[in-house]
Amino acid sequence: MNTLTKALGLTLVTLLAAASLNASAQTAASAPSATPAAAASPAAPATPSNTKLRRAVYIAIAKHKEIHGGSIGVTAKNGAITLNGTVTDATQVDRVAEIARGVPGVTSVTNKLTVQKPLGGM
């Protein structure tokens, strides 16, 4: 029994040492921050997460019934919005970008929308 206790103790010490080495090897980008409040600067306005911002842009576009969304894709990264896909009318290209710019938290809009041509190509 004494040998088993020593073996378990040695295994436990080895696991703890490996875990502590792994924790100390984390970079600043991968280490969790102490508190979310400490990471945010009081002077900087709060920006929604990329997912929340993306959803907010989709919702804003959907509220405009004159937009026939064909297939509009929205990508968000740190306040920058990229619009991809197609719309059914040329006037909707600029209108969708204008709607996206009006969403709180959007800092810039890159518009890559195109007009979907009818099946006849006319």
Protein backbone atom coordinates (compact mmCIF):
# COMPACT_ATOMS: atom_id res chain seq x y z
CA MET A 1 0.00 0.00 0.00
CA ASN A 2 2.89 2.32 0.74
CA THR A 3 4.26 1.95 -2.81
CA LEU A 4 0.82 2.70 -4.26
CA THR A 5 0.55 5.87 -2.17
CA LYS A 6 3.98 7.03 -3.33
CA ALA A 7 3.09 6.33 -6.98
CA LEU A 8 -0.18 8.28 -6.70
CA GLY A 9 1.59 11.15 -4.99
CA LEU A 10 4.28 11.27 -7.67
CA THR A 11 1.62 11.21 -10.41
CA LEU A 12 -0.27 14.05 -8.75
CA VAL A 13 2.87 16.17 -8.42
CA THR A 14 3.74 15.55 -12.09
CA LEU A 15 0.24 16.57 -13.22
CA LEU A 16 0.32 19.74 -11.13
CA ALA A 17 3.73 20.68 -12.48
CA ALA A 18 2.59 20.15 -16.06
CA ALA A 19 -0.56 22.20 -15.48
CA SER A 20 1.36 25.09 -13.94
CA LEU A 21 3.86 25.13 -16.83
CA ASN A 22 1.00 25.20 -19.33
CA ALA A 23 -0.72 28.07 -17.50
CA SER A 24 2.44 30.16 -17.35
CA ALA A 25 3.08 29.61 -21.07
CA GLN A 26 -0.11 31.40 -22.15
CA THR A 27 0.35 34.55 -24.20
CA ALA A 28 -1.40 37.78 -23.30
CA ALA A 29 -3.87 37.27 -26.18
CA SER A 30 -4.92 33.80 -25.02
CA ALA A 31 -4.98 34.49 -21.29
CA PRO A 32 -8.36 35.49 -19.86
CA SER A 33 -8.58 39.04 -18.60
CA ALA A 34 -9.05 39.66 -14.91
CA THR A 35 -12.33 41.51 -15.32
CA PRO A 36 -14.30 42.71 -18.32
CA ALA A 37 -14.52 46.20 -16.80
CA ALA A 38 -10.74 46.46 -16.57
CA ALA A 39 -10.38 45.72 -20.29
CA ALA A 40 -12.73 48.49 -21.38
CA SER A 41 -11.51 52.06 -21.36
CA PRO A 42 -13.96 54.52 -19.81
CA ALA A 43 -13.33 56.99 -22.66
CA ALA A 44 -14.00 54.44 -25.43
CA PRO A 45 -17.65 53.83 -26.33
CA ALA A 46 -18.88 50.30 -25.80
CA THR A 47 -19.10 48.36 -29.06
CA PRO A 48 -21.33 45.34 -29.46
CA SER A 49 -19.78 41.98 -30.22
CA ASN A 50 -19.35 40.99 -33.84
CA THR A 51 -22.28 38.57 -33.64
CA LYS A 52 -24.61 41.10 -32.04
CA LEU A 53 -23.61 43.79 -34.53
CA ARG A 54 -24.14 41.42 -37.45
CA ARG A 55 -27.61 40.53 -36.16
CA ALA A 56 -28.45 44.20 -35.63
CA VAL A 57 -27.58 44.97 -39.26
CA TYR A 58 -29.70 42.05 -40.50
CA ILE A 59 -32.63 43.26 -38.38
CA ALA A 60 -32.25 46.83 -39.66
CA ILE A 61 -32.27 45.62 -43.27
CA ALA A 62 -35.31 43.39 -42.67
CA LYS A 63 -37.29 46.37 -41.33
CA HIS A 64 -37.13 47.96 -44.77
CA LYS A 65 -39.75 46.20 -46.86
CA GLU A 66 -38.55 47.96 -50.01
CA ILE A 67 -35.33 45.93 -49.85
CA HIS A 68 -35.73 42.65 -51.69
CA GLY A 69 -32.74 40.94 -50.17
CA GLY A 70 -31.98 38.42 -52.88
CA SER A 71 -29.16 37.03 -50.80
CA ILE A 72 -27.41 39.57 -48.61
CA GLY A 73 -24.57 38.46 -46.36
CA VAL A 74 -23.28 40.57 -43.48
CA THR A 75 -19.86 40.20 -41.88
CA ALA A 76 -18.87 42.21 -38.80
CA LYS A 77 -15.40 42.72 -37.36
CA ASN A 78 -14.75 45.30 -34.65
CA GLY A 79 -17.44 47.64 -35.96
CA ALA A 80 -16.50 47.25 -39.63
CA ILE A 81 -19.33 45.79 -41.71
CA THR A 82 -18.91 44.04 -45.06
CA LEU A 83 -21.99 43.47 -47.22
CA ASN A 84 -21.85 40.64 -49.77
CA GLY A 85 -24.36 39.09 -52.11
CA THR A 86 -27.07 40.31 -54.42
CA VAL A 87 -30.10 42.58 -54.45
CA THR A 88 -32.82 42.80 -57.08
CA ASP A 89 -32.51 46.50 -57.95
CA ALA A 90 -29.54 48.87 -58.44
CA THR A 91 -31.01 51.45 -56.05
CA GLN A 92 -30.95 48.88 -53.26
CA VAL A 93 -27.16 48.54 -53.36
CA ASP A 94 -26.59 52.00 -51.85
CA ARG A 95 -29.74 51.85 -49.70
CA VAL A 96 -28.58 48.70 -47.89
CA ALA A 97 -25.20 50.30 -47.15
CA GLU A 98 -26.97 53.41 -45.83
CA ILE A 99 -29.15 51.26 -43.56
CA ALA A 100 -26.06 49.42 -42.24
CA ARG A 101 -24.28 52.73 -41.50
CA GLY A 102 -27.26 53.77 -39.36
CA VAL A 103 -26.88 50.83 -36.96
CA PRO A 104 -25.30 51.83 -33.63
CA GLY A 105 -21.80 50.39 -33.30
CA VAL A 106 -21.06 50.35 -37.04
CA THR A 107 -17.85 52.24 -37.74
CA SER A 108 -17.48 51.54 -41.47
CA VAL A 109 -19.26 49.73 -44.30
CA THR A 110 -17.65 47.94 -47.24
CA ASN A 111 -20.31 47.36 -49.86
CA LYS A 112 -19.72 44.41 -52.19
CA LEU A 113 -23.37 43.99 -53.17
CA THR A 114 -24.26 43.40 -56.81
CA VAL A 115 -27.52 43.46 -58.72
CA GLN A 116 -28.96 40.05 -59.49
CA LYS A 117 -29.71 39.85 -63.20
CA PRO A 118 -33.00 38.29 -64.30
CA LEU A 119 -32.84 34.80 -65.78
CA GLY A 120 -32.94 36.16 -69.33
CA GLY A 121 -29.83 38.27 -68.65
CA MET A 122 -31.65 41.48 -69.57
